[in-house]
Amino acid sequence: ETIGRDLREMQRVPLDAAHVAAMRAVGS
């Protein structure tokens, strides 16, 4: 094991729409 997963083999998991909405409420 190492400090994290292999970026080349990771399946990209996008942030959920609800996560993005929460960020928009406090971001710009």
mmCIF file of all heavy atoms, coordinates in Angstrom:
data_MODEL
# 
_entry.id   MODEL 
# 
loop_
_atom_site.group_PDB 
_atom_site.id 
_atom_site.type_symbol 
_atom_site.label_atom_id 
_atom_site.label_alt_id 
_atom_site.label_comp_id 
_atom_site.label_asym_id 
_atom_site.label_entity_id 
_atom_site.label_seq_id 
_atom_site.pdbx_PDB_ins_code 
_atom_site.Cartn_x 
_atom_site.Cartn_y 
_atom_site.Cartn_z 
_atom_site.occupancy 
_atom_site.B_iso_or_equiv 
_atom_site.pdbx_formal_charge 
_atom_site.auth_seq_id 
_atom_site.auth_comp_id 
_atom_site.auth_asym_id 
_atom_site.auth_atom_id 
_atom_site.pdbx_PDB_model_num 
ATOM 1   N N   . GLU A 1 1  ? 0.834   -1.198 0.000   1.00 0.00 ? 1  GLU A N   1 
ATOM 2   C CA  . GLU A 1 1  ? 0.000   0.000  0.000   1.00 0.00 ? 1  GLU A CA  1 
ATOM 3   C C   . GLU A 1 1  ? 0.876   1.258  0.000   1.00 0.00 ? 1  GLU A C   1 
ATOM 4   O O   . GLU A 1 1  ? 2.020   1.242  0.443   1.00 0.00 ? 1  GLU A O   1 
ATOM 5   C CB  . GLU A 1 1  ? -0.893  0.025  1.239   1.00 0.00 ? 1  GLU A CB  1 
ATOM 6   C CG  . GLU A 1 1  ? -1.884  -1.122 1.329   1.00 0.00 ? 1  GLU A CG  1 
ATOM 7   C CD  . GLU A 1 1  ? -3.060  -0.956 0.403   1.00 0.00 ? 1  GLU A CD  1 
ATOM 8   O OE1 . GLU A 1 1  ? -3.294  0.180  -0.051  1.00 0.00 ? 1  GLU A OE1 1 
ATOM 9   O OE2 . GLU A 1 1  ? -3.757  -1.939 0.148   1.00 0.00 ? 1  GLU A OE2 1 
ATOM 10  N N   . THR A 1 2  ? 0.318   2.357  -0.515  1.00 0.00 ? 2  THR A N   1 
ATOM 11  C CA  . THR A 1 2  ? 1.040   3.627  -0.522  1.00 0.00 ? 2  THR A CA  1 
ATOM 12  C C   . THR A 1 2  ? 0.126   4.718  0.039   1.00 0.00 ? 2  THR A C   1 
ATOM 13  O O   . THR A 1 2  ? -0.876  4.423  0.690   1.00 0.00 ? 2  THR A O   1 
ATOM 14  C CB  . THR A 1 2  ? 1.502   4.004  -1.937  1.00 0.00 ? 2  THR A CB  1 
ATOM 15  O OG1 . THR A 1 2  ? 0.349   4.259  -2.760  1.00 0.00 ? 2  THR A OG1 1 
ATOM 16  C CG2 . THR A 1 2  ? 2.327   2.897  -2.563  1.00 0.00 ? 2  THR A CG2 1 
ATOM 17  N N   . ILE A 1 3  ? 0.472   5.973  -0.247  1.00 0.00 ? 3  ILE A N   1 
ATOM 18  C CA  . ILE A 1 3  ? -0.294  7.082  0.335   1.00 0.00 ? 3  ILE A CA  1 
ATOM 19  C C   . ILE A 1 3  ? -1.650  7.286  -0.324  1.00 0.00 ? 3  ILE A C   1 
ATOM 20  O O   . ILE A 1 3  ? -2.506  7.977  0.218   1.00 0.00 ? 3  ILE A O   1 
ATOM 21  C CB  . ILE A 1 3  ? 0.492   8.399  0.262   1.00 0.00 ? 3  ILE A CB  1 
ATOM 22  C CG1 . ILE A 1 3  ? 0.751   8.795  -1.194  1.00 0.00 ? 3  ILE A CG1 1 
ATOM 23  C CG2 . ILE A 1 3  ? 1.787   8.297  1.026   1.00 0.00 ? 3  ILE A CG2 1 
ATOM 24  C CD1 . ILE A 1 3  ? 1.357   10.169 -1.335  1.00 0.00 ? 3  ILE A CD1 1 
ATOM 25  N N   . GLY A 1 4  ? -1.858  6.709  -1.508  1.00 0.00 ? 4  GLY A N   1 
ATOM 26  C CA  . GLY A 1 4  ? -3.122  6.923  -2.195  1.00 0.00 ? 4  GLY A CA  1 
ATOM 27  C C   . GLY A 1 4  ? -3.257  6.014  -3.397  1.00 0.00 ? 4  GLY A C   1 
ATOM 28  O O   . GLY A 1 4  ? -2.368  5.208  -3.711  1.00 0.00 ? 4  GLY A O   1 
ATOM 29  N N   . ARG A 1 5  ? -4.351  6.138  -4.092  1.00 0.00 ? 5  ARG A N   1 
ATOM 30  C CA  . ARG A 1 5  ? -4.617  5.306  -5.266  1.00 0.00 ? 5  ARG A CA  1 
ATOM 31  C C   . ARG A 1 5  ? -3.832  5.812  -6.462  1.00 0.00 ? 5  ARG A C   1 
ATOM 32  O O   . ARG A 1 5  ? -3.355  6.944  -6.489  1.00 0.00 ? 5  ARG A O   1 
ATOM 33  C CB  . ARG A 1 5  ? -6.121  5.302  -5.553  1.00 0.00 ? 5  ARG A CB  1 
ATOM 34  C CG  . ARG A 1 5  ? -6.941  4.684  -4.428  1.00 0.00 ? 5  ARG A CG  1 
ATOM 35  C CD  . ARG A 1 5  ? -8.432  4.893  -4.636  1.00 0.00 ? 5  ARG A CD  1 
ATOM 36  N NE  . ARG A 1 5  ? -8.899  4.299  -5.890  1.00 0.00 ? 5  ARG A NE  1 
ATOM 37  C CZ  . ARG A 1 5  ? -10.137 4.426  -6.366  1.00 0.00 ? 5  ARG A CZ  1 
ATOM 38  N NH1 . ARG A 1 5  ? -11.018 5.151  -5.678  1.00 0.00 ? 5  ARG A NH1 1 
ATOM 39  N NH2 . ARG A 1 5  ? -10.486 3.864  -7.502  1.00 0.00 ? 5  ARG A NH2 1 
ATOM 40  N N   . ASP A 1 6  ? -3.720  4.940  -7.477  1.00 0.00 ? 6  ASP A N   1 
ATOM 41  C CA  . ASP A 1 6  ? -3.031  5.287  -8.714  1.00 0.00 ? 6  ASP A CA  1 
ATOM 42  C C   . ASP A 1 6  ? -3.971  6.134  -9.572  1.00 0.00 ? 6  ASP A C   1 
ATOM 43  O O   . ASP A 1 6  ? -5.016  5.660  -10.020 1.00 0.00 ? 6  ASP A O   1 
ATOM 44  C CB  . ASP A 1 6  ? -2.624  4.016  -9.466  1.00 0.00 ? 6  ASP A CB  1 
ATOM 45  C CG  . ASP A 1 6  ? -1.683  4.295  -10.635 1.00 0.00 ? 6  ASP A CG  1 
ATOM 46  O OD1 . ASP A 1 6  ? -1.769  5.395  -11.220 1.00 0.00 ? 6  ASP A OD1 1 
ATOM 47  O OD2 . ASP A 1 6  ? -0.870  3.418  -10.972 1.00 0.00 ? 6  ASP A OD2 1 
ATOM 48  N N   . LEU A 1 7  ? -3.592  7.384  -9.795  1.00 0.00 ? 7  LEU A N   1 
ATOM 49  C CA  . LEU A 1 7  ? -4.453  8.320  -10.503 1.00 0.00 ? 7  LEU A CA  1 
ATOM 50  C C   . LEU A 1 7  ? -4.771  7.834  -11.915 1.00 0.00 ? 7  LEU A C   1 
ATOM 51  O O   . LEU A 1 7  ? -5.860  8.064  -12.439 1.00 0.00 ? 7  LEU A O   1 
ATOM 52  C CB  . LEU A 1 7  ? -3.776  9.695  -10.566 1.00 0.00 ? 7  LEU A CB  1 
ATOM 53  C CG  . LEU A 1 7  ? -4.646  10.894 -10.946 1.00 0.00 ? 7  LEU A CG  1 
ATOM 54  C CD1 . LEU A 1 7  ? -5.753  11.105 -9.936  1.00 0.00 ? 7  LEU A CD1 1 
ATOM 55  C CD2 . LEU A 1 7  ? -3.784  12.150 -11.065 1.00 0.00 ? 7  LEU A CD2 1 
ATOM 56  N N   . ARG A 1 8  ? -3.839  7.118  -12.524 1.00 0.00 ? 8  ARG A N   1 
ATOM 57  C CA  . ARG A 1 8  ? -4.036  6.641  -13.895 1.00 0.00 ? 8  ARG A CA  1 
ATOM 58  C C   . ARG A 1 8  ? -5.102  5.558  -13.992 1.00 0.00 ? 8  ARG A C   1 
ATOM 59  O O   . ARG A 1 8  ? -5.711  5.367  -15.045 1.00 0.00 ? 8  ARG A O   1 
ATOM 60  C CB  . ARG A 1 8  ? -2.717  6.100  -14.451 1.00 0.00 ? 8  ARG A CB  1 
ATOM 61  C CG  . ARG A 1 8  ? -1.597  7.131  -14.560 1.00 0.00 ? 8  ARG A CG  1 
ATOM 62  C CD  . ARG A 1 8  ? -0.267  6.461  -14.805 1.00 0.00 ? 8  ARG A CD  1 
ATOM 63  N NE  . ARG A 1 8  ? 0.069   5.554  -13.706 1.00 0.00 ? 8  ARG A NE  1 
ATOM 64  C CZ  . ARG A 1 8  ? 1.186   4.827  -13.648 1.00 0.00 ? 8  ARG A CZ  1 
ATOM 65  N NH1 . ARG A 1 8  ? 2.056   4.898  -14.644 1.00 0.00 ? 8  ARG A NH1 1 
ATOM 66  N NH2 . ARG A 1 8  ? 1.433   4.034  -12.624 1.00 0.00 ? 8  ARG A NH2 1 
ATOM 67  N N   . GLU A 1 9  ? -5.318  4.828  -12.888 1.00 0.00 ? 9  GLU A N   1 
ATOM 68  C CA  . GLU A 1 9  ? -6.256  3.714  -12.917 1.00 0.00 ? 9  GLU A CA  1 
ATOM 69  C C   . GLU A 1 9  ? -7.592  4.046  -12.258 1.00 0.00 ? 9  GLU A C   1 
ATOM 70  O O   . GLU A 1 9  ? -8.502  3.226  -12.252 1.00 0.00 ? 9  GLU A O   1 
ATOM 71  C CB  . GLU A 1 9  ? -5.627  2.510  -12.210 1.00 0.00 ? 9  GLU A CB  1 
ATOM 72  C CG  . GLU A 1 9  ? -4.341  2.023  -12.878 1.00 0.00 ? 9  GLU A CG  1 
ATOM 73  C CD  . GLU A 1 9  ? -3.673  0.901  -12.088 1.00 0.00 ? 9  GLU A CD  1 
ATOM 74  O OE1 . GLU A 1 9  ? -4.218  0.535  -11.015 1.00 0.00 ? 9  GLU A OE1 1 
ATOM 75  O OE2 . GLU A 1 9  ? -2.624  0.404  -12.530 1.00 0.00 ? 9  GLU A OE2 1 
ATOM 76  N N   . MET A 1 10 ? -7.695  5.253  -11.710 1.00 0.00 ? 10 MET A N   1 
ATOM 77  C CA  . MET A 1 10 ? -8.924  5.617  -11.013 1.00 0.00 ? 10 MET A CA  1 
ATOM 78  C C   . MET A 1 10 ? -10.053 5.914  -11.986 1.00 0.00 ? 10 MET A C   1 
ATOM 79  O O   . MET A 1 10 ? -9.852  6.561  -13.011 1.00 0.00 ? 10 MET A O   1 
ATOM 80  C CB  . MET A 1 10 ? -8.683  6.857  -10.142 1.00 0.00 ? 10 MET A CB  1 
ATOM 81  C CG  . MET A 1 10 ? -7.919  6.578  -8.863  1.00 0.00 ? 10 MET A CG  1 
ATOM 82  S SD  . MET A 1 10 ? -7.578  8.108  -7.956  1.00 0.00 ? 10 MET A SD  1 
ATOM 83  C CE  . MET A 1 10 ? -9.229  8.764  -7.718  1.00 0.00 ? 10 MET A CE  1 
ATOM 84  N N   . GLN A 1 11 ? -11.225 5.429  -11.642 1.00 0.00 ? 11 GLN A N   1 
ATOM 85  C CA  . GLN A 1 11 ? -12.427 5.810  -12.382 1.00 0.00 ? 11 GLN A CA  1 
ATOM 86  C C   . GLN A 1 11 ? -12.901 7.151  -11.829 1.00 0.00 ? 11 GLN A C   1 
ATOM 87  O O   . GLN A 1 11 ? -13.128 7.279  -10.628 1.00 0.00 ? 11 GLN A O   1 
ATOM 88  C CB  . GLN A 1 11 ? -13.515 4.751  -12.233 1.00 0.00 ? 11 GLN A CB  1 
ATOM 89  C CG  . GLN A 1 11 ? -14.802 5.101  -12.989 1.00 0.00 ? 11 GLN A CG  1 
ATOM 90  C CD  . GLN A 1 11 ? -15.862 4.010  -12.848 1.00 0.00 ? 11 GLN A CD  1 
ATOM 91  O OE1 . GLN A 1 11 ? -15.607 2.988  -12.220 1.00 0.00 ? 11 GLN A OE1 1 
ATOM 92  N NE2 . GLN A 1 11 ? -17.029 4.244  -13.407 1.00 0.00 ? 11 GLN A NE2 1 
ATOM 93  N N   . ARG A 1 12 ? -13.028 8.133  -12.718 1.00 0.00 ? 12 ARG A N   1 
ATOM 94  C CA  . ARG A 1 12 ? -13.375 9.477  -12.244 1.00 0.00 ? 12 ARG A CA  1 
ATOM 95  C C   . ARG A 1 12 ? -14.788 9.509  -11.692 1.00 0.00 ? 12 ARG A C   1 
ATOM 96  O O   . ARG A 1 12 ? -15.746 9.084  -12.335 1.00 0.00 ? 12 ARG A O   1 
ATOM 97  C CB  . ARG A 1 12 ? -13.229 10.496 -13.382 1.00 0.00 ? 12 ARG A CB  1 
ATOM 98  C CG  . ARG A 1 12 ? -13.381 11.935 -12.904 1.00 0.00 ? 12 ARG A CG  1 
ATOM 99  C CD  . ARG A 1 12 ? -12.911 12.918 -13.951 1.00 0.00 ? 12 ARG A CD  1 
ATOM 100 N NE  . ARG A 1 12 ? -13.842 13.028 -15.050 1.00 0.00 ? 12 ARG A NE  1 
ATOM 101 C CZ  . ARG A 1 12 ? -14.898 13.840 -15.048 1.00 0.00 ? 12 ARG A CZ  1 
ATOM 102 N NH1 . ARG A 1 12 ? -15.135 14.597 -14.000 1.00 0.00 ? 12 ARG A NH1 1 
ATOM 103 N NH2 . ARG A 1 12 ? -15.698 13.889 -16.075 1.00 0.00 ? 12 ARG A NH2 1 
ATOM 104 N N   . VAL A 1 13 ? -14.889 10.011 -10.467 1.00 0.00 ? 13 VAL A N   1 
ATOM 105 C CA  . VAL A 1 13 ? -16.185 10.144 -9.808  1.00 0.00 ? 13 VAL A CA  1 
ATOM 106 C C   . VAL A 1 13 ? -16.460 11.636 -9.630  1.00 0.00 ? 13 VAL A C   1 
ATOM 107 O O   . VAL A 1 13 ? -15.830 12.295 -8.797  1.00 0.00 ? 13 VAL A O   1 
ATOM 108 C CB  . VAL A 1 13 ? -16.198 9.436  -8.438  1.00 0.00 ? 13 VAL A CB  1 
ATOM 109 C CG1 . VAL A 1 13 ? -17.560 9.618  -7.771  1.00 0.00 ? 13 VAL A CG1 1 
ATOM 110 C CG2 . VAL A 1 13 ? -15.867 7.965  -8.596  1.00 0.00 ? 13 VAL A CG2 1 
ATOM 111 N N   . PRO A 1 14 ? -17.382 12.202 -10.398 1.00 0.00 ? 14 PRO A N   1 
ATOM 112 C CA  . PRO A 1 14 ? -17.648 13.647 -10.277 1.00 0.00 ? 14 PRO A CA  1 
ATOM 113 C C   . PRO A 1 14 ? -18.404 13.948 -8.994  1.00 0.00 ? 14 PRO A C   1 
ATOM 114 O O   . PRO A 1 14 ? -19.058 13.083 -8.402  1.00 0.00 ? 14 PRO A O   1 
ATOM 115 C CB  . PRO A 1 14 ? -18.504 13.948 -11.508 1.00 0.00 ? 14 PRO A CB  1 
ATOM 116 C CG  . PRO A 1 14 ? -19.172 12.653 -11.826 1.00 0.00 ? 14 PRO A CG  1 
ATOM 117 C CD  . PRO A 1 14 ? -18.209 11.569 -11.451 1.00 0.00 ? 14 PRO A CD  1 
ATOM 118 N N   . LEU A 1 15 ? -18.291 15.187 -8.568  1.00 0.00 ? 15 LEU A N   1 
ATOM 119 C CA  . LEU A 1 15 ? -19.079 15.624 -7.427  1.00 0.00 ? 15 LEU A CA  1 
ATOM 120 C C   . LEU A 1 15 ? -20.558 15.603 -7.787  1.00 0.00 ? 15 LEU A C   1 
ATOM 121 O O   . LEU A 1 15 ? -20.948 15.917 -8.925  1.00 0.00 ? 15 LEU A O   1 
ATOM 122 C CB  . LEU A 1 15 ? -18.657 17.036 -7.006  1.00 0.00 ? 15 LEU A CB  1 
ATOM 123 C CG  . LEU A 1 15 ? -17.230 17.174 -6.477  1.00 0.00 ? 15 LEU A CG  1 
ATOM 124 C CD1 . LEU A 1 15 ? -16.908 18.647 -6.207  1.00 0.00 ? 15 LEU A CD1 1 
ATOM 125 C CD2 . LEU A 1 15 ? -17.045 16.355 -5.202  1.00 0.00 ? 15 LEU A CD2 1 
ATOM 126 N N   . ASP A 1 16 ? -21.370 15.245 -6.829  1.00 0.00 ? 16 ASP A N   1 
ATOM 127 C CA  . ASP A 1 16 ? -22.808 15.178 -7.042  1.00 0.00 ? 16 ASP A CA  1 
ATOM 128 C C   . ASP A 1 16 ? -23.382 16.576 -7.263  1.00 0.00 ? 16 ASP A C   1 
ATOM 129 O O   . ASP A 1 16 ? -22.814 17.584 -6.809  1.00 0.00 ? 16 ASP A O   1 
ATOM 130 C CB  . ASP A 1 16 ? -23.455 14.524 -5.822  1.00 0.00 ? 16 ASP A CB  1 
ATOM 131 C CG  . ASP A 1 16 ? -24.926 14.230 -6.031  1.00 0.00 ? 16 ASP A CG  1 
ATOM 132 O OD1 . ASP A 1 16 ? -25.236 13.230 -6.658  1.00 0.00 ? 16 ASP A OD1 1 
ATOM 133 O OD2 . ASP A 1 16 ? -25.753 15.024 -5.525  1.00 0.00 ? 16 ASP A OD2 1 
ATOM 134 N N   . ALA A 1 17 ? -24.510 16.646 -7.950  1.00 0.00 ? 17 ALA A N   1 
ATOM 135 C CA  . ALA A 1 17 ? -25.158 17.929 -8.219  1.00 0.00 ? 17 ALA A CA  1 
ATOM 136 C C   . ALA A 1 17 ? -25.470 18.678 -6.924  1.00 0.00 ? 17 ALA A C   1 
ATOM 137 O O   . ALA A 1 17 ? -25.364 19.907 -6.850  1.00 0.00 ? 17 ALA A O   1 
ATOM 138 C CB  . ALA A 1 17 ? -26.433 17.713 -9.025  1.00 0.00 ? 17 ALA A CB  1 
ATOM 139 N N   . ALA A 1 18 ? -25.816 17.924 -5.884  1.00 0.00 ? 18 ALA A N   1 
ATOM 140 C CA  . ALA A 1 18 ? -26.105 18.562 -4.602  1.00 0.00 ? 18 ALA A CA  1 
ATOM 141 C C   . ALA A 1 18 ? -24.838 19.156 -3.985  1.00 0.00 ? 18 ALA A C   1 
ATOM 142 O O   . ALA A 1 18 ? -24.889 20.199 -3.335  1.00 0.00 ? 18 ALA A O   1 
ATOM 143 C CB  . ALA A 1 18 ? -26.724 17.541 -3.644  1.00 0.00 ? 18 ALA A CB  1 
ATOM 144 N N   . HIS A 1 19 ? -23.699 18.492 -4.215  1.00 0.00 ? 19 HIS A N   1 
ATOM 145 C CA  . HIS A 1 19 ? -22.426 19.025 -3.721  1.00 0.00 ? 19 HIS A CA  1 
ATOM 146 C C   . HIS A 1 19 ? -22.104 20.357 -4.401  1.00 0.00 ? 19 HIS A C   1 
ATOM 147 O O   . HIS A 1 19 ? -21.689 21.328 -3.752  1.00 0.00 ? 19 HIS A O   1 
ATOM 148 C CB  . HIS A 1 19 ? -21.285 18.029 -3.985  1.00 0.00 ? 19 HIS A CB  1 
ATOM 149 C CG  . HIS A 1 19 ? -21.506 16.676 -3.408  1.00 0.00 ? 19 HIS A CG  1 
ATOM 150 N ND1 . HIS A 1 19 ? -20.827 15.547 -3.843  1.00 0.00 ? 19 HIS A ND1 1 
ATOM 151 C CD2 . HIS A 1 19 ? -22.353 16.254 -2.417  1.00 0.00 ? 19 HIS A CD2 1 
ATOM 152 C CE1 . HIS A 1 19 ? -21.229 14.504 -3.134  1.00 0.00 ? 19 HIS A CE1 1 
ATOM 153 N NE2 . HIS A 1 19 ? -22.161 14.899 -2.288  1.00 0.00 ? 19 HIS A NE2 1 
ATOM 154 N N   . VAL A 1 20 ? -22.298 20.374 -5.709  1.00 0.00 ? 20 VAL A N   1 
ATOM 155 C CA  . VAL A 1 20 ? -22.005 21.586 -6.477  1.00 0.00 ? 20 VAL A CA  1 
ATOM 156 C C   . VAL A 1 20 ? -22.943 22.717 -6.068  1.00 0.00 ? 20 VAL A C   1 
ATOM 157 O O   . VAL A 1 20 ? -22.532 23.877 -5.939  1.00 0.00 ? 20 VAL A O   1 
ATOM 158 C CB  . VAL A 1 20 ? -22.106 21.307 -7.992  1.00 0.00 ? 20 VAL A CB  1 
ATOM 159 C CG1 . VAL A 1 20 ? -21.838 22.582 -8.790  1.00 0.00 ? 20 VAL A CG1 1 
ATOM 160 C CG2 . VAL A 1 20 ? -21.128 20.211 -8.402  1.00 0.00 ? 20 VAL A CG2 1 
ATOM 161 N N   . ALA A 1 21 ? -24.204 22.378 -5.831  1.00 0.00 ? 21 ALA A N   1 
ATOM 162 C CA  . ALA A 1 21 ? -25.165 23.403 -5.404  1.00 0.00 ? 21 ALA A CA  1 
ATOM 163 C C   . ALA A 1 21 ? -24.758 23.998 -4.050  1.00 0.00 ? 21 ALA A C   1 
ATOM 164 O O   . ALA A 1 21 ? -24.858 25.213 -3.831  1.00 0.00 ? 21 ALA A O   1 
ATOM 165 C CB  . ALA A 1 21 ? -26.563 22.790 -5.320  1.00 0.00 ? 21 ALA A CB  1 
ATOM 166 N N   . ALA A 1 22 ? -24.268 23.158 -3.151  1.00 0.00 ? 22 ALA A N   1 
ATOM 167 C CA  . ALA A 1 22 ? -23.832 23.647 -1.845  1.00 0.00 ? 22 ALA A CA  1 
ATOM 168 C C   . ALA A 1 22 ? -22.630 24.571 -2.001  1.00 0.00 ? 22 ALA A C   1 
ATOM 169 O O   . ALA A 1 22 ? -22.518 25.584 -1.291  1.00 0.00 ? 22 ALA A O   1 
ATOM 170 C CB  . ALA A 1 22 ? -23.475 22.465 -0.947  1.00 0.00 ? 22 ALA A CB  1 
ATOM 171 N N   . MET A 1 23 ? -21.753 24.260 -2.947  1.00 0.00 ? 23 MET A N   1 
ATOM 172 C CA  . MET A 1 23 ? -20.593 25.120 -3.183  1.00 0.00 ? 23 MET A CA  1 
ATOM 173 C C   . MET A 1 23 ? -21.018 26.456 -3.794  1.00 0.00 ? 23 MET A C   1 
ATOM 174 O O   . MET A 1 23 ? -20.472 27.508 -3.447  1.00 0.00 ? 23 MET A O   1 
ATOM 175 C CB  . MET A 1 23 ? -19.580 24.410 -4.085  1.00 0.00 ? 23 MET A CB  1 
ATOM 176 C CG  . MET A 1 23 ? -18.889 23.225 -3.434  1.00 0.00 ? 23 MET A CG  1 
ATOM 177 S SD  . MET A 1 23 ? -17.469 22.616 -4.395  1.00 0.00 ? 23 MET A SD  1 
ATOM 178 C CE  . MET A 1 23 ? -18.269 22.119 -5.923  1.00 0.00 ? 23 MET A CE  1 
ATOM 179 N N   . ARG A 1 24 ? -21.979 26.425 -4.688  1.00 0.00 ? 24 ARG A N   1 
ATOM 180 C CA  . ARG A 1 24 ? -22.426 27.674 -5.325  1.00 0.00 ? 24 ARG A CA  1 
ATOM 181 C C   . ARG A 1 24 ? -23.035 28.632 -4.300  1.00 0.00 ? 24 ARG A C   1 
ATOM 182 O O   . ARG A 1 24 ? -22.946 29.856 -4.438  1.00 0.00 ? 24 ARG A O   1 
ATOM 183 C CB  . ARG A 1 24 ? -23.441 27.372 -6.426  1.00 0.00 ? 24 ARG A CB  1 
ATOM 184 C CG  . ARG A 1 24 ? -22.850 26.669 -7.631  1.00 0.00 ? 24 ARG A CG  1 
ATOM 185 C CD  . ARG A 1 24 ? -23.770 26.721 -8.846  1.00 0.00 ? 24 ARG A CD  1 
ATOM 186 N NE  . ARG A 1 24 ? -23.299 25.832 -9.890  1.00 0.00 ? 24 ARG A NE  1 
ATOM 187 C CZ  . ARG A 1 24 ? -22.272 26.101 -10.700 1.00 0.00 ? 24 ARG A CZ  1 
ATOM 188 N NH1 . ARG A 1 24 ? -21.648 27.255 -10.571 1.00 0.00 ? 24 ARG A NH1 1 
ATOM 189 N NH2 . ARG A 1 24 ? -21.904 25.244 -11.623 1.00 0.00 ? 24 ARG A NH2 1 
ATOM 190 N N   . ALA A 1 25 ? -23.620 28.067 -3.263  1.00 0.00 ? 25 ALA A N   1 
ATOM 191 C CA  . ALA A 1 25 ? -24.260 28.905 -2.247  1.00 0.00 ? 25 ALA A CA  1 
ATOM 192 C C   . ALA A 1 25 ? -23.238 29.722 -1.459  1.00 0.00 ? 25 ALA A C   1 
ATOM 193 O O   . ALA A 1 25 ? -23.582 30.764 -0.890  1.00 0.00 ? 25 ALA A O   1 
ATOM 194 C CB  . ALA A 1 25 ? -25.079 28.034 -1.295  1.00 0.00 ? 25 ALA A CB  1 
ATOM 195 N N   . VAL A 1 26 ? -21.969 29.274 -1.417  1.00 0.00 ? 26 VAL A N   1 
ATOM 196 C CA  . VAL A 1 26 ? -20.957 29.981 -0.630  1.00 0.00 ? 26 VAL A CA  1 
ATOM 197 C C   . VAL A 1 26 ? -19.768 30.462 -1.477  1.00 0.00 ? 26 VAL A C   1 
ATOM 198 O O   . VAL A 1 26 ? -18.874 31.134 -0.962  1.00 0.00 ? 26 VAL A O   1 
ATOM 199 C CB  . VAL A 1 26 ? -20.413 29.087 0.519   1.00 0.00 ? 26 VAL A CB  1 
ATOM 200 C CG1 . VAL A 1 26 ? -21.495 28.818 1.532   1.00 0.00 ? 26 VAL A CG1 1 
ATOM 201 C CG2 . VAL A 1 26 ? -19.832 27.786 -0.023  1.00 0.00 ? 26 VAL A CG2 1 
ATOM 202 N N   . GLY A 1 27 ? -19.796 30.121 -2.789  1.00 0.00 ? 27 GLY A N   1 
ATOM 203 C CA  . GLY A 1 27 ? -18.689 30.496 -3.662  1.00 0.00 ? 27 GLY A CA  1 
ATOM 204 C C   . GLY A 1 27 ? -19.059 31.599 -4.621  1.00 0.00 ? 27 GLY A C   1 
ATOM 205 O O   . GLY A 1 27 ? -20.135 32.192 -4.537  1.00 0.00 ? 27 GLY A O   1 
ATOM 206 N N   . SER A 1 28 ? -18.157 31.868 -5.544  1.00 0.00 ? 28 SER A N   1 
ATOM 207 C CA  . SER A 1 28 ? -18.394 32.911 -6.550  1.00 0.00 ? 28 SER A CA  1 
ATOM 208 C C   . SER A 1 28 ? -17.783 32.482 -7.877  1.00 0.00 ? 28 SER A C   1 
ATOM 209 O O   . SER A 1 28 ? -16.850 31.673 -7.929  1.00 0.00 ? 28 SER A O   1 
ATOM 210 C CB  . SER A 1 28 ? -17.790 34.243 -6.099  1.00 0.00 ? 28 SER A CB  1 
ATOM 211 O OG  . SER A 1 28 ? -16.402 34.120 -5.885  1.00 0.00 ? 28 SER A OG  1 
# 
